[in-house]
Amino acid sequence: MSLKAMDLFEAYVQNKLPMDEGYIVTSYFKPESTYSIYEIVSYSAVKDIYASGNGLTFQTNGKKLYILVEPSNYNHKTIEPYCRAEGFQIPLRFSEANIITAKNQSKIIFNKEAQQAISAFTILKPEGINFAFLFFSQPGVFDSMNLFFSKTLNQEAGIPQADATKASKAIADLASKTLTWPKDQE
């Protein structure tokens, strides 16, 4: 059975990062809270990948989806996600986002459309319980992401399992429609 996913920085060290296409999922968890930010970045036709400061820089175009999990007790719910304090923001307005309210009143907020990263993007090395995973581009990659998000939204972000399953399916479906590259449609 071929490898479906692995730690991004481990893949870099082991020279296993695919240059043709891949999907990177990162997380940023807030201490003492279930407030969580995830990013999914797809890339294709990499010119170069190199370590830079505390991250990896990819010289290529990318497409990004942002997922924000806001617990019910978050005090700044009315502030647009792009205007929130550093570490709590994603570059989205409410009008640009899908919003799912879970049974426990937590909210899962994510893009309606992928955002473009033109010419280069950097993935920061995760600290603490945060992670950066590389999902290899192969049949079933979005099913793997669906399962992954179902588990992490429930176990890490405190979303009830039924709502985590619903949200992860919506996220994986959106990723399969907006994060692929033209050669994938052939």
C-alpha atoms as a PDB file:
ATOM      1  CA  MET A   1       0.000   0.000   0.000  1.00  0.00           C
ATOM      2  CA  SER A   2       1.453   3.382  -0.957  1.00  0.00           C
ATOM      3  CA  LEU A   3       1.924   6.161   1.574  1.00  0.00           C
ATOM      4  CA  LYS A   4      -1.069   8.536   1.689  1.00  0.00           C
ATOM      5  CA  ALA A   5       0.311  11.222   4.012  1.00  0.00           C
ATOM      6  CA  MET A   6       3.300  12.091   6.162  1.00  0.00           C
ATOM      7  CA  ASP A   7       4.770  14.945   8.175  1.00  0.00           C
ATOM      8  CA  LEU A   8       5.748  17.702   5.706  1.00  0.00           C
ATOM      9  CA  PHE A   9       9.123  18.498   7.248  1.00  0.00           C
ATOM     10  CA  GLU A  10      10.002  14.809   7.536  1.00  0.00           C
ATOM     11  CA  ALA A  11       9.138  14.415   3.837  1.00  0.00           C
ATOM     12  CA  TYR A  12      11.472  17.329   3.047  1.00  0.00           C
ATOM     13  CA  VAL A  13      14.363  15.858   5.083  1.00  0.00           C
ATOM     14  CA  GLN A  14      13.824  12.425   3.465  1.00  0.00           C
ATOM     15  CA  ASN A  15      13.609  14.014  -0.014  1.00  0.00           C
ATOM     16  CA  LYS A  16      10.078  12.625  -0.498  1.00  0.00           C
ATOM     17  CA  LEU A  17       8.300  15.887  -1.352  1.00  0.00           C
ATOM     18  CA  PRO A  18       6.625  15.478  -4.730  1.00  0.00           C
ATOM     19  CA  MET A  19       7.571  18.271  -7.138  1.00  0.00           C
ATOM     20  CA  ASP A  20       4.637  17.662  -9.481  1.00  0.00           C
ATOM     21  CA  GLU A  21       1.695  18.007  -7.078  1.00  0.00           C
ATOM     22  CA  GLY A  22       0.695  17.685  -3.440  1.00  0.00           C
ATOM     23  CA  TYR A  23      -1.600  18.909  -0.692  1.00  0.00           C
ATOM     24  CA  ILE A  24      -0.382  20.354   2.597  1.00  0.00           C
ATOM     25  CA  VAL A  25      -2.633  20.561   5.670  1.00  0.00           C
ATOM     26  CA  THR A  26      -1.431  22.671   8.588  1.00  0.00           C
ATOM     27  CA  SER A  27      -2.984  23.385  11.963  1.00  0.00           C
ATOM     28  CA  TYR A  28      -2.659  26.176  14.501  1.00  0.00           C
ATOM     29  CA  PHE A  29      -4.311  25.370  17.827  1.00  0.00           C
ATOM     30  CA  LYS A  30      -4.777  27.953  20.576  1.00  0.00           C
ATOM     31  CA  PRO A  31      -3.624  26.882  24.049  1.00  0.00           C
ATOM     32  CA  GLU A  32      -6.465  26.365  26.592  1.00  0.00           C
ATOM     33  CA  SER A  33      -9.099  26.681  23.855  1.00  0.00           C
ATOM     34  CA  THR A  34     -10.577  24.734  20.964  1.00  0.00           C
ATOM     35  CA  TYR A  35     -10.079  27.788  18.703  1.00  0.00           C
ATOM     36  CA  SER A  36      -8.289  26.255  15.727  1.00  0.00           C
ATOM     37  CA  ILE A  37      -7.097  27.343  12.315  1.00  0.00           C
ATOM     38  CA  TYR A  38      -6.335  24.907   9.515  1.00  0.00           C
ATOM     39  CA  GLU A  39      -4.974  25.621   6.053  1.00  0.00           C
ATOM     40  CA  ILE A  40      -5.056  23.339   3.041  1.00  0.00           C
ATOM     41  CA  VAL A  41      -2.612  24.316   0.298  1.00  0.00           C
ATOM     42  CA  SER A  42      -2.431  22.542  -3.031  1.00  0.00           C
ATOM     43  CA  TYR A  43       0.570  23.008  -5.270  1.00  0.00           C
ATOM     44  CA  SER A  44       1.669  21.915  -8.709  1.00  0.00           C
ATOM     45  CA  ALA A  45       4.815  22.077 -10.878  1.00  0.00           C
ATOM     46  CA  VAL A  46       7.294  23.187  -8.198  1.00  0.00           C
ATOM     47  CA  LYS A  47      10.373  25.064  -9.423  1.00  0.00           C
ATOM     48  CA  ASP A  48      12.173  24.803  -6.069  1.00  0.00           C
ATOM     49  CA  ILE A  49      11.612  23.968  -2.393  1.00  0.00           C
ATOM     50  CA  TYR A  50      14.005  25.261   0.226  1.00  0.00           C
ATOM     51  CA  ALA A  51      14.251  25.761   3.977  1.00  0.00           C
ATOM     52  CA  SER A  52      13.892  29.431   4.879  1.00  0.00           C
ATOM     53  CA  GLY A  53      14.027  30.702   8.442  1.00  0.00           C
ATOM     54  CA  ASN A  54      11.516  28.606  10.372  1.00  0.00           C
ATOM     55  CA  GLY A  55       9.703  27.110   7.399  1.00  0.00           C
ATOM     56  CA  LEU A  56       9.749  25.681   3.891  1.00  0.00           C
ATOM     57  CA  THR A  57       9.305  27.925   0.864  1.00  0.00           C
ATOM     58  CA  PHE A  58       7.748  26.492  -2.283  1.00  0.00           C
ATOM     59  CA  GLN A  59       8.493  28.350  -5.519  1.00  0.00           C
ATOM     60  CA  THR A  60       5.288  27.632  -7.363  1.00  0.00           C
ATOM     61  CA  ASN A  61       1.674  28.705  -7.459  1.00  0.00           C
ATOM     62  CA  GLY A  62      -0.633  27.403  -4.777  1.00  0.00           C
ATOM     63  CA  LYS A  63      -4.314  27.349  -3.940  1.00  0.00           C
ATOM     64  CA  LYS A  64      -5.461  27.734  -0.332  1.00  0.00           C
ATOM     65  CA  LEU A  65      -8.473  26.928   1.774  1.00  0.00           C
ATOM     66  CA  TYR A  66      -8.734  28.210   5.336  1.00  0.00           C
ATOM     67  CA  ILE A  67     -10.774  26.510   8.048  1.00  0.00           C
ATOM     68  CA  LEU A  68     -11.467  28.297  11.323  1.00  0.00           C
ATOM     69  CA  VAL A  69     -13.071  26.573  14.301  1.00  0.00           C
ATOM     70  CA  GLU A  70     -14.559  29.062  16.712  1.00  0.00           C
ATOM     71  CA  PRO A  71     -15.722  27.727  20.105  1.00  0.00           C
ATOM     72  CA  SER A  72     -19.074  28.914  21.451  1.00  0.00           C
ATOM     73  CA  ASN A  73     -17.349  30.918  24.213  1.00  0.00           C
ATOM     74  CA  TYR A  74     -15.139  32.943  21.820  1.00  0.00           C
ATOM     75  CA  ASN A  75     -15.603  36.605  22.794  1.00  0.00           C
ATOM     76  CA  HIS A  76     -15.041  38.263  19.398  1.00  0.00           C
ATOM     77  CA  LYS A  77     -17.491  36.315  17.209  1.00  0.00           C
ATOM     78  CA  THR A  78     -18.854  39.425  15.526  1.00  0.00           C
ATOM     79  CA  ILE A  79     -15.437  40.569  14.269  1.00  0.00           C
ATOM     80  CA  GLU A  80     -14.771  39.575  10.654  1.00  0.00           C
ATOM     81  CA  PRO A  81     -12.170  36.760  10.554  1.00  0.00           C
ATOM     82  CA  TYR A  82      -9.691  38.905   8.579  1.00  0.00           C
ATOM     83  CA  CYS A  83      -9.864  41.705  11.222  1.00  0.00           C
ATOM     84  CA  ARG A  84      -9.211  39.559  14.288  1.00  0.00           C
ATOM     85  CA  ALA A  85      -6.093  39.742  16.436  1.00  0.00           C
ATOM     86  CA  GLU A  86      -2.907  38.156  15.110  1.00  0.00           C
ATOM     87  CA  GLY A  87      -3.022  34.395  15.560  1.00  0.00           C
ATOM     88  CA  PHE A  88      -6.845  34.408  15.429  1.00  0.00           C
ATOM     89  CA  GLN A  89      -7.344  35.630  11.876  1.00  0.00           C
ATOM     90  CA  ILE A  90      -7.825  34.083   8.473  1.00  0.00           C
ATOM     91  CA  PRO A  91      -8.076  36.180   5.278  1.00  0.00           C
ATOM     92  CA  LEU A  92     -11.855  35.848   4.897  1.00  0.00           C
ATOM     93  CA  ARG A  93     -14.935  37.961   5.380  1.00  0.00           C
ATOM     94  CA  PHE A  94     -18.125  36.307   6.627  1.00  0.00           C
ATOM     95  CA  SER A  95     -19.642  36.925   3.167  1.00  0.00           C
ATOM     96  CA  GLU A  96     -16.809  34.871   1.586  1.00  0.00           C
ATOM     97  CA  ALA A  97     -17.233  31.938   3.952  1.00  0.00           C
ATOM     98  CA  ASN A  98     -19.304  28.838   4.469  1.00  0.00           C
ATOM     99  CA  ILE A  99     -20.345  28.680   8.128  1.00  0.00           C
ATOM    100  CA  ILE A 100     -21.525  25.506   9.856  1.00  0.00           C
ATOM    101  CA  THR A 101     -22.858  25.853  13.394  1.00  0.00           C
ATOM    102  CA  ALA A 102     -22.349  22.666  15.394  1.00  0.00           C
ATOM    103  CA  LYS A 103     -24.706  21.236  18.007  1.00  0.00           C
ATOM    104  CA  ASN A 104     -22.449  22.673  20.764  1.00  0.00           C
ATOM    105  CA  GLN A 105     -22.686  26.143  19.110  1.00  0.00           C
ATOM    106  CA  SER A 106     -19.084  26.038  17.873  1.00  0.00           C
ATOM    107  CA  LYS A 107     -18.701  27.363  14.338  1.00  0.00           C
ATOM    108  CA  ILE A 108     -16.693  25.927  11.450  1.00  0.00           C
ATOM    109  CA  ILE A 109     -15.890  28.746   9.027  1.00  0.00           C
ATOM    110  CA  PHE A 110     -14.205  28.033   5.665  1.00  0.00           C
ATOM    111  CA  ASN A 111     -13.762  29.516   2.175  1.00  0.00           C
ATOM    112  CA  LYS A 112     -16.425  29.354  -0.491  1.00  0.00           C
ATOM    113  CA  GLU A 113     -13.646  29.584  -3.121  1.00  0.00           C
ATOM    114  CA  ALA A 114      -9.925  28.762  -2.974  1.00  0.00           C
ATOM    115  CA  GLN A 115      -7.499  31.692  -2.738  1.00  0.00           C
ATOM    116  CA  GLN A 116      -4.483  31.892  -5.019  1.00  0.00           C
ATOM    117  CA  ALA A 117      -0.881  32.035  -3.794  1.00  0.00           C
ATOM    118  CA  ILE A 118       1.045  33.422  -6.753  1.00  0.00           C
ATOM    119  CA  SER A 119       4.683  32.410  -7.447  1.00  0.00           C
ATOM    120  CA  ALA A 120       5.629  31.252  -3.921  1.00  0.00           C
ATOM    121  CA  PHE A 121       4.331  30.406  -0.458  1.00  0.00           C
ATOM    122  CA  THR A 122       5.938  29.411   2.841  1.00  0.00           C
ATOM    123  CA  ILE A 123       4.764  26.791   5.329  1.00  0.00           C
ATOM    124  CA  LEU A 124       5.966  27.519   8.866  1.00  0.00           C
ATOM    125  CA  LYS A 125       7.422  24.702  10.939  1.00  0.00           C
ATOM    126  CA  PRO A 126       4.740  23.752  13.472  1.00  0.00           C
ATOM    127  CA  GLU A 127       5.365  24.127  17.187  1.00  0.00           C
ATOM    128  CA  GLY A 128       3.768  22.298  20.104  1.00  0.00           C
ATOM    129  CA  ILE A 129       0.704  20.286  19.116  1.00  0.00           C
ATOM    130  CA  ASN A 130       0.398  21.994  15.730  1.00  0.00           C
ATOM    131  CA  PHE A 131       1.192  19.963  12.616  1.00  0.00           C
ATOM    132  CA  ALA A 132       1.971  20.177   8.908  1.00  0.00           C
ATOM    133  CA  PHE A 133       1.027  17.087   6.884  1.00  0.00           C
ATOM    134  CA  LEU A 134       1.688  16.340   3.263  1.00  0.00           C
ATOM    135  CA  PHE A 135      -1.066  14.424   1.475  1.00  0.00           C
ATOM    136  CA  PHE A 136       0.257  12.751  -1.663  1.00  0.00           C
ATOM    137  CA  SER A 137      -1.709  13.333  -4.862  1.00  0.00           C
ATOM    138  CA  GLN A 138      -3.163   9.927  -5.601  1.00  0.00           C
ATOM    139  CA  PRO A 139      -6.615   8.405  -6.065  1.00  0.00           C
ATOM    140  CA  GLY A 140      -8.653   8.845  -2.894  1.00  0.00           C
ATOM    141  CA  VAL A 141      -6.653  11.810  -1.550  1.00  0.00           C
ATOM    142  CA  PHE A 142      -9.837  13.759  -0.801  1.00  0.00           C
ATOM    143  CA  ASP A 143     -11.390  10.733   0.935  1.00  0.00           C
ATOM    144  CA  SER A 144      -8.259  10.640   3.128  1.00  0.00           C
ATOM    145  CA  MET A 145      -8.665  14.365   3.873  1.00  0.00           C
ATOM    146  CA  ASN A 146     -12.339  13.834   4.687  1.00  0.00           C
ATOM    147  CA  LEU A 147     -11.453  11.127   7.235  1.00  0.00           C
ATOM    148  CA  PHE A 148      -8.574  13.203   8.600  1.00  0.00           C
ATOM    149  CA  PHE A 149     -10.737  16.309   9.160  1.00  0.00           C
ATOM    150  CA  SER A 150     -13.563  14.246  10.630  1.00  0.00           C
ATOM    151  CA  LYS A 151     -11.156  12.981  13.308  1.00  0.00           C
ATOM    152  CA  THR A 152      -9.254  16.204  14.006  1.00  0.00           C
ATOM    153  CA  LEU A 153     -12.340  18.453  14.084  1.00  0.00           C
ATOM    154  CA  ASN A 154     -13.836  16.098  16.660  1.00  0.00           C
ATOM    155  CA  GLN A 155     -10.787  15.202  18.748  1.00  0.00           C
ATOM    156  CA  GLU A 156      -8.705  18.408  18.555  1.00  0.00           C
ATOM    157  CA  ALA A 157     -11.285  21.136  17.929  1.00  0.00           C
ATOM    158  CA  GLY A 158     -14.117  19.771  20.101  1.00  0.00           C
ATOM    159  CA  ILE A 159     -16.753  19.521  17.366  1.00  0.00           C
ATOM    160  CA  PRO A 160     -19.422  16.842  18.019  1.00  0.00           C
ATOM    161  CA  GLN A 161     -18.774  13.821  15.754  1.00  0.00           C
ATOM    162  CA  ALA A 162     -21.934  14.192  13.620  1.00  0.00           C
ATOM    163  CA  ASP A 163     -21.100  17.854  12.900  1.00  0.00           C
ATOM    164  CA  ALA A 164     -17.394  17.052  12.354  1.00  0.00           C
ATOM    165  CA  THR A 165     -18.412  14.414   9.794  1.00  0.00           C
ATOM    166  CA  LYS A 166     -20.729  16.873   7.992  1.00  0.00           C
ATOM    167  CA  ALA A 167     -18.124  19.671   7.967  1.00  0.00           C
ATOM    168  CA  SER A 168     -15.252  17.416   6.879  1.00  0.00           C
ATOM    169  CA  LYS A 169     -17.309  16.129   3.939  1.00  0.00           C
ATOM    170  CA  ALA A 170     -18.103  19.712   2.868  1.00  0.00           C
ATOM    171  CA  ILE A 171     -14.424  20.687   3.192  1.00  0.00           C
ATOM    172  CA  ALA A 172     -13.196  17.629   1.259  1.00  0.00           C
ATOM    173  CA  ASP A 173     -15.810  18.192  -1.476  1.00  0.00           C
ATOM    174  CA  LEU A 174     -14.755  21.851  -1.786  1.00  0.00           C
ATOM    175  CA  ALA A 175     -11.073  20.835  -1.875  1.00  0.00           C
ATOM    176  CA  SER A 176     -11.749  18.295  -4.646  1.00  0.00           C
ATOM    177  CA  LYS A 177     -13.491  20.979  -6.728  1.00  0.00           C
ATOM    178  CA  THR A 178     -11.219  23.991  -6.102  1.00  0.00           C
ATOM    179  CA  LEU A 179      -7.732  22.723  -5.223  1.00  0.00           C
ATOM    180  CA  THR A 180      -7.058  20.517  -8.233  1.00  0.00           C
ATOM    181  CA  TRP A 181      -4.954  21.575 -11.222  1.00  0.00           C
ATOM    182  CA  PRO A 182      -5.891  21.546 -14.953  1.00  0.00           C
ATOM    183  CA  LYS A 183      -4.080  18.240 -15.668  1.00  0.00           C
ATOM    184  CA  ASP A 184      -6.289  16.612 -13.003  1.00  0.00           C
ATOM    185  CA  GLN A 185      -9.403  17.297 -15.086  1.00  0.00           C
ATOM    186  CA  GLU A 186      -8.152  15.353 -18.119  1.00  0.00           C
END
